[in-house]
Amino acid sequence: MSGELEFYFDFVSPFAYLAHDRVCALARRYGRKLTYLPIDLPAAKIAAGNTGPSNREIPAKLRYLMTDIDRWAKRVNLPVSFPASLASHRMNAGTFYALDRGLGDKYVRDGFNVGWGAGGDIGSDETLTRLAETMGWPPAEFIEYTGASKALPEYVASNRQAVEKGVFGVPTIIVDDQMWWGIDRLDFVGEYLAGRGG
């Protein structure tokens, strides 16, 4: 391995969902350790000074975003259904439960598929229980773990690191000392890695 490829994401983000498979492929291709860093996207935006209205409050921008999501979904050949809930902090925190068990890739993929692929309620006990079952975990233990999500030390540290590194949106990739934001920057990540020999 030549080093890390840091992937900052939030299960609330359709673009992080649509980028995830390509991010995994880049890490594999160039021998980088993929480091999953879930963050609270609204908090990161506020920390970066982005206190303006949400996309939902700007109809023209929201219409464009919906079109852009559909375009990217077609490009990467993934289904898109808006989640029934965007309360992502518990699913985000569950990433660390998965990482402790060596199942980060599968958990993040399955979590995104439940939310943005199938339109599930990513904040509900029912969804988290089903996700735990598909992962082969005791659901009650997983639910208890994610219940402390906002105070979970790993999640707090991930959010703090994002702010310290200037992350203001997702998906964000950091390799070495270089940062790229957005699904449309993954080609640049690939070019950088190719130029560095991984």
N, C-alpha and C. Protein backbone atom coordinates (compact mmCIF):
# COMPACT_ATOMS: atom_id res chain seq x y z
N MET A 1 0.83 -1.18 0.00
CA MET A 1 0.00 0.00 0.00
C MET A 1 0.88 1.25 0.00
N SER A 2 0.46 2.25 -0.76
CA SER A 2 1.22 3.49 -0.85
C SER A 2 0.75 4.53 0.14
N GLY A 3 -0.32 4.28 0.86
CA GLY A 3 -0.88 5.27 1.77
C GLY A 3 -2.39 5.19 1.73
N GLU A 4 -3.02 6.20 2.32
CA GLU A 4 -4.47 6.18 2.46
C GLU A 4 -5.16 6.96 1.35
N LEU A 5 -6.39 6.55 1.09
CA LEU A 5 -7.34 7.35 0.32
C LEU A 5 -8.50 7.59 1.28
N GLU A 6 -8.62 8.83 1.75
CA GLU A 6 -9.65 9.16 2.72
C GLU A 6 -10.95 9.51 2.00
N PHE A 7 -12.03 8.86 2.40
CA PHE A 7 -13.34 9.06 1.79
C PHE A 7 -14.27 9.64 2.85
N TYR A 8 -14.54 10.94 2.74
CA TYR A 8 -15.48 11.62 3.63
C TYR A 8 -16.86 11.54 3.00
N PHE A 9 -17.83 11.06 3.77
CA PHE A 9 -19.16 10.85 3.21
C PHE A 9 -20.20 10.99 4.31
N ASP A 10 -21.44 11.08 3.88
CA ASP A 10 -22.60 11.05 4.77
C ASP A 10 -23.67 10.28 4.02
N PHE A 11 -24.33 9.36 4.69
CA PHE A 11 -25.37 8.57 4.03
C PHE A 11 -26.53 9.45 3.54
N VAL A 12 -26.55 10.69 3.93
CA VAL A 12 -27.57 11.62 3.46
C VAL A 12 -27.33 12.04 2.01
N SER A 13 -26.14 11.81 1.49
CA SER A 13 -25.74 12.36 0.19
C SER A 13 -25.93 11.39 -0.98
N PRO A 14 -26.76 11.76 -1.96
CA PRO A 14 -26.88 10.91 -3.14
C PRO A 14 -25.59 10.83 -3.94
N PHE A 15 -24.82 11.91 -3.94
CA PHE A 15 -23.59 11.90 -4.72
C PHE A 15 -22.51 11.04 -4.08
N ALA A 16 -22.50 10.96 -2.75
CA ALA A 16 -21.58 10.01 -2.09
C ALA A 16 -21.97 8.59 -2.44
N TYR A 17 -23.27 8.30 -2.46
CA TYR A 17 -23.77 6.98 -2.87
C TYR A 17 -23.31 6.66 -4.28
N LEU A 18 -23.50 7.59 -5.19
CA LEU A 18 -23.18 7.35 -6.60
C LEU A 18 -21.67 7.27 -6.83
N ALA A 19 -20.88 7.86 -5.95
CA ALA A 19 -19.42 7.85 -6.09
C ALA A 19 -18.77 6.63 -5.45
N HIS A 20 -19.43 5.99 -4.51
CA HIS A 20 -18.78 5.00 -3.66
C HIS A 20 -18.09 3.88 -4.43
N ASP A 21 -18.76 3.27 -5.39
CA ASP A 21 -18.14 2.16 -6.13
C ASP A 21 -16.88 2.61 -6.86
N ARG A 22 -16.92 3.81 -7.43
CA ARG A 22 -15.74 4.32 -8.13
C ARG A 22 -14.60 4.62 -7.17
N VAL A 23 -14.93 5.11 -5.99
CA VAL A 23 -13.90 5.37 -4.98
C VAL A 23 -13.22 4.07 -4.58
N CYS A 24 -14.03 3.03 -4.36
CA CYS A 24 -13.47 1.71 -4.03
C CYS A 24 -12.54 1.22 -5.14
N ALA A 25 -12.98 1.40 -6.38
CA ALA A 25 -12.18 0.95 -7.53
C ALA A 25 -10.86 1.69 -7.61
N LEU A 26 -10.88 2.98 -7.34
CA LEU A 26 -9.63 3.76 -7.37
C LEU A 26 -8.66 3.29 -6.29
N ALA A 27 -9.17 3.05 -5.10
CA ALA A 27 -8.31 2.57 -4.02
C ALA A 27 -7.68 1.23 -4.38
N ARG A 28 -8.49 0.33 -4.93
CA ARG A 28 -7.96 -0.99 -5.33
C ARG A 28 -6.93 -0.85 -6.45
N ARG A 29 -7.27 -0.09 -7.45
CA ARG A 29 -6.39 0.02 -8.62
C ARG A 29 -5.02 0.56 -8.27
N TYR A 30 -4.99 1.53 -7.35
CA TYR A 30 -3.72 2.19 -7.05
C TYR A 30 -3.13 1.77 -5.71
N GLY A 31 -3.67 0.71 -5.12
CA GLY A 31 -3.08 0.15 -3.91
C GLY A 31 -3.14 1.05 -2.71
N ARG A 32 -4.18 1.84 -2.62
CA ARG A 32 -4.36 2.73 -1.47
C ARG A 32 -5.32 2.10 -0.47
N LYS A 33 -5.05 2.32 0.79
CA LYS A 33 -5.97 1.88 1.85
C LYS A 33 -7.15 2.85 1.88
N LEU A 34 -8.34 2.33 1.65
CA LEU A 34 -9.54 3.17 1.68
C LEU A 34 -9.96 3.38 3.14
N THR A 35 -9.96 4.64 3.55
CA THR A 35 -10.32 5.00 4.92
C THR A 35 -11.68 5.67 4.90
N TYR A 36 -12.65 5.03 5.55
CA TYR A 36 -14.01 5.57 5.60
C TYR A 36 -14.13 6.56 6.74
N LEU A 37 -14.59 7.77 6.41
CA LEU A 37 -14.74 8.83 7.40
C LEU A 37 -16.13 9.45 7.27
N PRO A 38 -17.13 8.85 7.93
CA PRO A 38 -18.46 9.42 7.89
C PRO A 38 -18.51 10.72 8.68
N ILE A 39 -19.26 11.68 8.16
CA ILE A 39 -19.37 12.97 8.85
C ILE A 39 -20.82 13.44 8.85
N ASP A 40 -21.08 14.40 9.71
CA ASP A 40 -22.37 15.08 9.77
C ASP A 40 -22.29 16.23 8.76
N LEU A 41 -22.84 16.02 7.56
CA LEU A 41 -22.69 17.00 6.48
C LEU A 41 -23.24 18.37 6.85
N PRO A 42 -24.44 18.50 7.40
CA PRO A 42 -24.90 19.85 7.76
C PRO A 42 -23.96 20.56 8.73
N ALA A 43 -23.40 19.82 9.69
CA ALA A 43 -22.46 20.44 10.64
C ALA A 43 -21.18 20.88 9.94
N ALA A 44 -20.70 20.07 8.99
CA ALA A 44 -19.49 20.44 8.24
C ALA A 44 -19.72 21.70 7.43
N LYS A 45 -20.89 21.81 6.84
CA LYS A 45 -21.21 23.02 6.05
C LYS A 45 -21.21 24.25 6.94
N ILE A 46 -21.84 24.14 8.10
CA ILE A 46 -21.89 25.28 9.02
C ILE A 46 -20.48 25.65 9.49
N ALA A 47 -19.67 24.63 9.81
CA ALA A 47 -18.29 24.89 10.27
C ALA A 47 -17.48 25.60 9.20
N ALA A 48 -17.82 25.34 7.93
CA ALA A 48 -17.10 25.97 6.82
C ALA A 48 -17.66 27.35 6.48
N GLY A 49 -18.71 27.77 7.19
CA GLY A 49 -19.29 29.08 6.94
C GLY A 49 -20.46 29.08 5.98
N ASN A 50 -20.91 27.90 5.57
CA ASN A 50 -22.04 27.78 4.65
C ASN A 50 -23.33 27.76 5.47
N THR A 51 -23.87 28.95 5.72
CA THR A 51 -25.06 29.06 6.56
C THR A 51 -26.28 29.52 5.76
N GLY A 52 -26.17 29.46 4.45
CA GLY A 52 -27.26 29.90 3.59
C GLY A 52 -28.42 28.93 3.59
N PRO A 53 -29.41 29.22 2.77
CA PRO A 53 -30.58 28.34 2.71
C PRO A 53 -30.23 26.96 2.17
N SER A 54 -31.01 25.96 2.55
CA SER A 54 -30.80 24.61 2.04
C SER A 54 -31.26 24.54 0.59
N ASN A 55 -30.80 23.50 -0.09
CA ASN A 55 -31.21 23.30 -1.48
C ASN A 55 -32.73 23.21 -1.63
N ARG A 56 -33.38 22.66 -0.61
CA ARG A 56 -34.85 22.53 -0.66
C ARG A 56 -35.54 23.89 -0.72
N GLU A 57 -34.85 24.94 -0.27
CA GLU A 57 -35.44 26.28 -0.25
C GLU A 57 -35.13 27.07 -1.52
N ILE A 58 -34.44 26.45 -2.47
CA ILE A 58 -34.10 27.12 -3.73
C ILE A 58 -34.64 26.26 -4.87
N PRO A 59 -35.89 26.48 -5.28
CA PRO A 59 -36.55 25.57 -6.23
C PRO A 59 -35.76 25.32 -7.52
N ALA A 60 -35.17 26.37 -8.09
CA ALA A 60 -34.43 26.18 -9.35
C ALA A 60 -33.22 25.27 -9.14
N LYS A 61 -32.52 25.46 -8.03
CA LYS A 61 -31.36 24.63 -7.74
C LYS A 61 -31.79 23.19 -7.44
N LEU A 62 -32.89 23.03 -6.71
CA LEU A 62 -33.37 21.70 -6.39
C LEU A 62 -33.77 20.94 -7.66
N ARG A 63 -34.45 21.63 -8.59
CA ARG A 63 -34.81 20.98 -9.86
C ARG A 63 -33.56 20.51 -10.60
N TYR A 64 -32.54 21.37 -10.64
CA TYR A 64 -31.30 21.00 -11.32
C TYR A 64 -30.63 19.81 -10.62
N LEU A 65 -30.58 19.83 -9.30
CA LEU A 65 -29.96 18.73 -8.56
C LEU A 65 -30.64 17.40 -8.86
N MET A 66 -31.97 17.43 -8.92
CA MET A 66 -32.70 16.19 -9.23
C MET A 66 -32.31 15.66 -10.60
N THR A 67 -32.18 16.56 -11.57
CA THR A 67 -31.77 16.16 -12.91
C THR A 67 -30.35 15.61 -12.89
N ASP A 68 -29.47 16.29 -12.15
CA ASP A 68 -28.07 15.87 -12.09
C ASP A 68 -27.92 14.51 -11.43
N ILE A 69 -28.69 14.28 -10.37
CA ILE A 69 -28.67 12.97 -9.71
C ILE A 69 -29.07 11.88 -10.69
N ASP A 70 -30.14 12.13 -11.46
CA ASP A 70 -30.59 11.15 -12.45
C ASP A 70 -29.54 10.90 -13.52
N ARG A 71 -28.87 11.95 -13.96
CA ARG A 71 -27.83 11.80 -14.98
C ARG A 71 -26.68 10.93 -14.46
N TRP A 72 -26.24 11.23 -13.22
CA TRP A 72 -25.14 10.45 -12.66
C TRP A 72 -25.54 9.01 -12.40
N ALA A 73 -26.77 8.81 -11.97
CA ALA A 73 -27.24 7.45 -11.73
C ALA A 73 -27.20 6.63 -13.01
N LYS A 74 -27.59 7.24 -14.12
CA LYS A 74 -27.52 6.55 -15.41
C LYS A 74 -26.07 6.27 -15.79
N ARG A 75 -25.21 7.23 -15.56
CA ARG A 75 -23.80 7.06 -15.93
C ARG A 75 -23.14 5.93 -15.17
N VAL A 76 -23.44 5.81 -13.87
CA VAL A 76 -22.78 4.77 -13.06
C VAL A 76 -23.66 3.53 -12.91
N ASN A 77 -24.80 3.55 -13.58
CA ASN A 77 -25.70 2.38 -13.64
C ASN A 77 -26.16 1.93 -12.25
N LEU A 78 -26.68 2.89 -11.48
CA LEU A 78 -27.23 2.58 -10.17
C LEU A 78 -28.66 3.13 -10.07
N PRO A 79 -29.53 2.43 -9.36
CA PRO A 79 -30.89 2.94 -9.15
C PRO A 79 -30.86 4.07 -8.12
N VAL A 80 -31.83 4.98 -8.22
CA VAL A 80 -31.95 6.05 -7.23
C VAL A 80 -33.40 6.17 -6.80
N SER A 81 -33.62 6.09 -5.49
CA SER A 81 -34.92 6.36 -4.87
C SER A 81 -34.64 7.17 -3.62
N PHE A 82 -35.27 8.32 -3.49
CA PHE A 82 -34.97 9.16 -2.35
C PHE A 82 -35.36 8.46 -1.04
N PRO A 83 -34.47 8.48 -0.06
CA PRO A 83 -34.76 7.83 1.22
C PRO A 83 -36.01 8.42 1.88
N ALA A 84 -36.72 7.58 2.61
CA ALA A 84 -37.90 8.04 3.33
C ALA A 84 -37.53 9.01 4.44
N SER A 85 -36.30 8.93 4.91
CA SER A 85 -35.80 9.83 5.95
C SER A 85 -34.35 10.17 5.62
N LEU A 86 -33.93 11.37 5.98
CA LEU A 86 -32.53 11.77 5.78
C LEU A 86 -31.80 11.89 7.11
N ALA A 87 -32.33 11.25 8.15
CA ALA A 87 -31.68 11.25 9.47
C ALA A 87 -30.56 10.21 9.45
N SER A 88 -29.37 10.64 9.07
CA SER A 88 -28.29 9.70 8.75
C SER A 88 -27.29 9.45 9.87
N HIS A 89 -27.37 10.19 10.98
CA HIS A 89 -26.28 10.11 11.97
C HIS A 89 -26.08 8.71 12.54
N ARG A 90 -27.17 7.96 12.74
CA ARG A 90 -27.00 6.61 13.31
C ARG A 90 -26.35 5.67 12.30
N MET A 91 -26.79 5.73 11.05
CA MET A 91 -26.17 4.88 10.04
C MET A 91 -24.71 5.29 9.82
N ASN A 92 -24.45 6.60 9.86
CA ASN A 92 -23.06 7.07 9.76
C ASN A 92 -22.21 6.44 10.85
N ALA A 93 -22.68 6.54 12.09
CA ALA A 93 -21.90 6.02 13.22
C ALA A 93 -21.72 4.51 13.13
N GLY A 94 -22.70 3.82 12.57
CA GLY A 94 -22.60 2.37 12.41
C GLY A 94 -21.41 1.94 11.56
N THR A 95 -20.90 2.88 10.77
CA THR A 95 -19.71 2.59 9.95
C THR A 95 -18.56 2.10 10.84
N PHE A 96 -18.42 2.67 12.01
CA PHE A 96 -17.31 2.30 12.88
C PHE A 96 -17.51 0.90 13.48
N TYR A 97 -18.76 0.55 13.71
CA TYR A 97 -19.07 -0.82 14.14
C TYR A 97 -18.62 -1.80 13.06
N ALA A 98 -18.91 -1.43 11.80
CA ALA A 98 -18.52 -2.28 10.66
C ALA A 98 -17.00 -2.34 10.51
N LEU A 99 -16.35 -1.21 10.65
CA LEU A 99 -14.89 -1.17 10.48
C LEU A 99 -14.20 -2.03 11.53
N ASP A 100 -14.73 -2.01 12.75
CA ASP A 100 -14.16 -2.85 13.83
C ASP A 100 -14.23 -4.33 13.49
N ARG A 101 -15.14 -4.69 12.57
CA ARG A 101 -15.33 -6.09 12.20
C ARG A 101 -14.82 -6.38 10.79
N GLY A 102 -14.07 -5.43 10.22
CA GLY A 102 -13.47 -5.63 8.90
C GLY A 102 -14.47 -5.64 7.76
N LEU A 103 -15.61 -4.96 7.95
CA LEU A 103 -16.68 -5.01 6.95
C LEU A 103 -17.10 -3.63 6.47
N GLY A 104 -16.14 -2.71 6.44
CA GLY A 104 -16.46 -1.34 6.04
C GLY A 104 -17.04 -1.23 4.64
N ASP A 105 -16.38 -1.86 3.65
CA ASP A 105 -16.86 -1.76 2.27
C ASP A 105 -18.29 -2.26 2.13
N LYS A 106 -18.56 -3.43 2.68
CA LYS A 106 -19.90 -4.02 2.55
C LYS A 106 -20.94 -3.18 3.26
N TYR A 107 -20.62 -2.70 4.46
CA TYR A 107 -21.58 -1.92 5.22
C TYR A 107 -21.93 -0.62 4.49
N VAL A 108 -20.92 0.09 4.02
CA VAL A 108 -21.18 1.36 3.35
C VAL A 108 -21.99 1.12 2.07
N ARG A 109 -21.61 0.09 1.32
CA ARG A 109 -22.38 -0.22 0.10
C ARG A 109 -23.82 -0.59 0.43
N ASP A 110 -24.00 -1.47 1.41
CA ASP A 110 -25.36 -1.90 1.77
C ASP A 110 -26.17 -0.74 2.35
N GLY A 111 -25.52 0.09 3.16
CA GLY A 111 -26.22 1.25 3.72
C GLY A 111 -26.69 2.21 2.65
N PHE A 112 -25.81 2.50 1.70
CA PHE A 112 -26.22 3.37 0.59
C PHE A 112 -27.33 2.72 -0.23
N ASN A 113 -27.24 1.42 -0.46
CA ASN A 113 -28.26 0.74 -1.25
C ASN A 113 -29.62 0.76 -0.56
N VAL A 114 -29.63 0.60 0.77
CA VAL A 114 -30.88 0.66 1.52
C VAL A 114 -31.51 2.04 1.40
N GLY A 115 -30.68 3.08 1.53
CA GLY A 115 -31.20 4.44 1.49
C GLY A 115 -31.49 4.94 0.09
N TRP A 116 -30.43 5.15 -0.68
CA TRP A 116 -30.58 5.76 -2.00
C TRP A 116 -30.93 4.77 -3.09
N GLY A 117 -30.62 3.51 -2.90
CA GLY A 117 -30.99 2.52 -3.91
C GLY A 117 -32.43 2.08 -3.79
N ALA A 118 -32.89 1.88 -2.53
CA ALA A 118 -34.23 1.34 -2.31
C ALA A 118 -35.19 2.33 -1.65
N GLY A 119 -34.71 3.51 -1.28
CA GLY A 119 -35.59 4.52 -0.70
C GLY A 119 -35.99 4.24 0.74
N GLY A 120 -35.17 3.51 1.48
CA GLY A 120 -35.50 3.16 2.86
C GLY A 120 -35.35 4.32 3.83
N ASP A 121 -35.89 4.14 5.01
CA ASP A 121 -35.79 5.12 6.09
C ASP A 121 -34.48 4.86 6.83
N ILE A 122 -33.44 5.60 6.48
CA ILE A 122 -32.11 5.31 7.00
C ILE A 122 -31.95 5.63 8.48
N GLY A 123 -32.93 6.31 9.07
CA GLY A 123 -32.85 6.64 10.48
C GLY A 123 -33.67 5.75 11.40
N SER A 124 -34.36 4.78 10.83
CA SER A 124 -35.30 3.99 11.64
C SER A 124 -34.65 2.75 12.24
N ASP A 125 -35.17 2.34 13.39
CA ASP A 125 -34.72 1.09 14.02
C ASP A 125 -34.95 -0.08 13.07
N GLU A 126 -36.08 -0.07 12.37
CA GLU A 126 -36.41 -1.18 11.47
C GLU A 126 -35.35 -1.35 10.39
N THR A 127 -34.97 -0.23 9.76
CA THR A 127 -33.95 -0.30 8.71
C THR A 127 -32.61 -0.73 9.28
N LEU A 128 -32.23 -0.18 10.41
CA LEU A 128 -30.94 -0.53 11.01
C LEU A 128 -30.92 -1.98 11.46
N THR A 129 -32.07 -2.48 11.92
CA THR A 129 -32.17 -3.89 12.31
C THR A 129 -31.96 -4.79 11.09
N ARG A 130 -32.64 -4.47 9.99
CA ARG A 130 -32.49 -5.27 8.77
C ARG A 130 -31.05 -5.23 8.26
N LEU A 131 -30.44 -4.05 8.35
CA LEU A 131 -29.05 -3.92 7.90
C LEU A 131 -28.13 -4.78 8.76
N ALA A 132 -28.33 -4.74 10.07
CA ALA A 132 -27.52 -5.58 10.97
C ALA A 132 -27.70 -7.05 10.64
N GLU A 133 -28.93 -7.45 10.36
CA GLU A 133 -29.19 -8.86 10.05
C GLU A 133 -28.48 -9.28 8.77
N THR A 134 -28.49 -8.42 7.75
CA THR A 134 -27.80 -8.77 6.50
C THR A 134 -26.29 -8.84 6.70
N MET A 135 -25.79 -8.08 7.70
CA MET A 135 -24.36 -8.11 7.99
C MET A 135 -23.99 -9.27 8.90
N GLY A 136 -24.99 -9.95 9.48
CA GLY A 136 -24.73 -11.06 10.39
C GLY A 136 -24.41 -10.62 11.80
N TRP A 137 -24.93 -9.44 12.21
CA TRP A 137 -24.68 -8.90 13.54
C TRP A 137 -25.91 -9.04 14.42
N PRO A 138 -25.71 -9.03 15.74
CA PRO A 138 -26.86 -8.99 16.65
C PRO A 138 -27.56 -7.63 16.53
N PRO A 139 -28.79 -7.60 16.05
CA PRO A 139 -29.46 -6.31 15.84
C PRO A 139 -29.54 -5.44 17.08
N ALA A 140 -29.87 -6.03 18.23
CA ALA A 140 -30.02 -5.23 19.44
C ALA A 140 -28.71 -4.53 19.81
N GLU A 141 -27.60 -5.23 19.65
CA GLU A 141 -26.29 -4.65 19.96
C GLU A 141 -25.97 -3.51 19.00
N PHE A 142 -26.28 -3.70 17.73
CA PHE A 142 -26.03 -2.66 16.73
C PHE A 142 -26.90 -1.44 16.99
N ILE A 143 -28.17 -1.65 17.30
CA ILE A 143 -29.08 -0.54 17.59
C ILE A 143 -28.59 0.24 18.81
N GLU A 144 -28.15 -0.48 19.83
CA GLU A 144 -27.62 0.21 21.02
C GLU A 144 -26.38 1.03 20.66
N TYR A 145 -25.50 0.46 19.85
CA TYR A 145 -24.28 1.15 19.45
C TYR A 145 -24.61 2.44 18.70
N THR A 146 -25.49 2.34 17.73
CA THR A 146 -25.81 3.52 16.92
C THR A 146 -26.66 4.54 17.69
N GLY A 147 -27.29 4.09 18.77
CA GLY A 147 -28.09 5.02 19.58
C GLY A 147 -27.27 6.10 20.24
N ALA A 148 -25.99 5.84 20.44
CA ALA A 148 -25.09 6.82 21.04
C ALA A 148 -24.29 7.57 19.98
N SER A 149 -24.82 7.60 18.75
CA SER A 149 -24.05 8.04 17.60
C SER A 149 -23.38 9.40 17.75
N LYS A 150 -24.12 10.40 18.20
CA LYS A 150 -23.56 11.75 18.22
C LYS A 150 -22.44 11.90 19.23
N ALA A 151 -22.40 11.02 20.24
CA ALA A 151 -21.35 11.08 21.25
C ALA A 151 -20.27 10.04 21.02
N LEU A 152 -20.42 9.22 19.99
CA LEU A 152 -19.46 8.15 19.74
C LEU A 152 -18.08 8.76 19.44
N PRO A 153 -17.04 8.40 20.21
CA PRO A 153 -15.74 9.06 20.04
C PRO A 153 -15.21 9.01 18.61
N GLU A 154 -15.38 7.87 17.93
CA GLU A 154 -14.87 7.77 16.56
C GLU A 154 -15.60 8.73 15.61
N TYR A 155 -16.90 8.87 15.83
CA TYR A 155 -17.69 9.77 14.97
C TYR A 155 -17.33 11.23 15.27
N VAL A 156 -17.17 11.55 16.53
CA VAL A 156 -16.75 12.89 16.92
C VAL A 156 -15.39 13.21 16.28
N ALA A 157 -14.45 12.25 16.36
CA ALA A 157 -13.11 12.45 15.80
C ALA A 157 -13.16 12.60 14.29
N SER A 158 -14.00 11.82 13.62
CA SER A 158 -14.13 11.90 12.17
C SER A 158 -14.64 13.28 11.76
N ASN A 159 -15.63 13.79 12.48
CA ASN A 159 -16.16 15.13 12.19
C ASN A 159 -15.12 16.20 12.47
N ARG A 160 -14.39 16.06 13.56
CA ARG A 160 -13.36 17.05 13.90
C ARG A 160 -12.26 17.06 12.84
N GLN A 161 -11.84 15.88 12.40
CA GLN A 161 -10.81 15.78 11.37
C GLN A 161 -11.28 16.43 10.08
N ALA A 162 -12.54 16.22 9.73
CA ALA A 162 -13.07 16.82 8.51
C ALA A 162 -12.98 18.35 8.57
N VAL A 163 -13.37 18.92 9.69
CA VAL A 163 -13.31 20.37 9.85
C VAL A 163 -11.86 20.86 9.78
N GLU A 164 -10.97 20.15 10.45
CA GLU A 164 -9.56 20.54 10.47
C GLU A 164 -8.95 20.51 9.08
N LYS A 165 -9.42 19.58 8.24
CA LYS A 165 -8.86 19.45 6.89
C LYS A 165 -9.61 20.29 5.86
N GLY A 166 -10.61 21.02 6.29
CA GLY A 166 -11.33 21.91 5.39
C GLY A 166 -12.41 21.26 4.56
N VAL A 167 -12.90 20.11 5.00
CA VAL A 167 -13.97 19.43 4.28
C VAL A 167 -15.27 20.20 4.48
N PHE A 168 -15.95 20.53 3.39
CA PHE A 168 -17.17 21.32 3.46
C PHE A 168 -18.34 20.67 2.72
N GLY A 169 -18.10 19.52 2.12
CA GLY A 169 -19.14 18.81 1.38
C GLY A 169 -18.71 17.37 1.16
N VAL A 170 -19.63 16.58 0.65
CA VAL A 170 -19.33 15.18 0.34
C VAL A 170 -19.89 14.83 -1.03
N PRO A 171 -19.28 13.88 -1.70
CA PRO A 171 -18.09 13.14 -1.28
C PRO A 171 -16.83 13.98 -1.39
N THR A 172 -15.96 13.85 -0.41
CA THR A 172 -14.63 14.47 -0.47
C THR A 172 -13.60 13.36 -0.35
N ILE A 173 -12.59 13.47 -1.21
CA ILE A 173 -11.47 12.52 -1.21
C ILE A 173 -10.21 13.30 -0.85
N ILE A 174 -9.44 12.76 0.08
CA ILE A 174 -8.13 13.32 0.37
C ILE A 174 -7.09 12.23 0.20
N VAL A 175 -6.09 12.54 -0.63
CA VAL A 175 -4.96 11.65 -0.87
C VAL A 175 -3.69 12.48 -0.66
N ASP A 176 -2.79 11.97 0.17
CA ASP A 176 -1.59 12.72 0.53
C ASP A 176 -2.06 14.07 1.10
N ASP A 177 -1.68 15.17 0.52
CA ASP A 177 -2.14 16.47 1.03
C ASP A 177 -3.11 17.13 0.06
N GLN A 178 -3.66 16.35 -0.86
CA GLN A 178 -4.55 16.88 -1.89
C GLN A 178 -6.01 16.53 -1.59
N MET A 179 -6.91 17.50 -1.85
CA MET A 179 -8.33 17.29 -1.60
C MET A 179 -9.13 17.52 -2.88
N TRP A 180 -10.14 16.66 -3.07
CA TRP A 180 -11.09 16.81 -4.18
C TRP A 180 -12.50 16.66 -3.62
N TRP A 181 -13.40 17.54 -4.05
CA TRP A 181 -14.80 17.47 -3.61
C TRP A 181 -15.69 17.22 -4.81
N GLY A 182 -16.54 16.23 -4.69
CA GLY A 182 -17.57 16.00 -5.69
C GLY A 182 -17.33 14.78 -6.54
N ILE A 183 -18.42 14.16 -6.96
CA ILE A 183 -18.35 12.98 -7.82
C ILE A 183 -17.68 13.30 -9.14
N ASP A 184 -17.81 14.54 -9.58
CA ASP A 184 -17.22 14.93 -10.87
C ASP A 184 -15.72 15.19 -10.79
N ARG A 185 -15.13 15.00 -9.63
CA ARG A 185 -13.68 15.18 -9.48
C ARG A 185 -12.93 13.84 -9.39
N LEU A 186 -13.64 12.74 -9.49
CA LEU A 186 -12.98 11.44 -9.33
C LEU A 186 -11.97 11.16 -10.44
N ASP A 187 -12.21 11.69 -11.64
CA ASP A 187 -11.22 11.52 -12.70
C ASP A 187 -9.91 12.21 -12.33
N PHE A 188 -10.02 13.35 -11.66
CA PHE A 188 -8.81 14.06 -11.22
C PHE A 188 -8.06 13.24 -10.15
N VAL A 189 -8.82 12.60 -9.28
CA VAL A 189 -8.20 11.73 -8.27
C VAL A 189 -7.42 10.62 -8.97
N GLY A 190 -8.05 10.00 -9.97
CA GLY A 190 -7.39 8.93 -10.72
C GLY A 190 -6.13 9.41 -11.42
N GLU A 191 -6.20 10.59 -12.01
CA GLU A 191 -5.02 11.15 -12.69
C GLU A 191 -3.89 11.41 -11.70
N TYR A 192 -4.24 11.94 -10.54
CA TYR A 192 -3.23 12.19 -9.52
C TYR A 192 -2.57 10.88 -9.08
N LEU A 193 -3.38 9.87 -8.80
CA LEU A 193 -2.84 8.60 -8.36
C LEU A 193 -1.99 7.94 -9.43
N ALA A 194 -2.42 8.04 -10.67
CA ALA A 194 -1.64 7.47 -11.77
C ALA A 194 -0.29 8.17 -11.88
N GLY A 195 -0.30 9.49 -11.72
CA GLY A 195 0.93 10.26 -11.82
C GLY A 195 1.90 9.98 -10.68
N ARG A 196 1.34 9.57 -9.54
CA ARG A 196 2.18 9.26 -8.38
C ARG A 196 2.60 7.79 -8.36
N GLY A 197 2.15 7.06 -9.37
CA GLY A 197 2.41 5.63 -9.37
C GLY A 197 1.65 4.91 -8.28
N GLY A 198 0.49 5.47 -7.93
CA GLY A 198 -0.34 4.93 -6.84
C GLY A 198 -0.19 5.78 -5.68
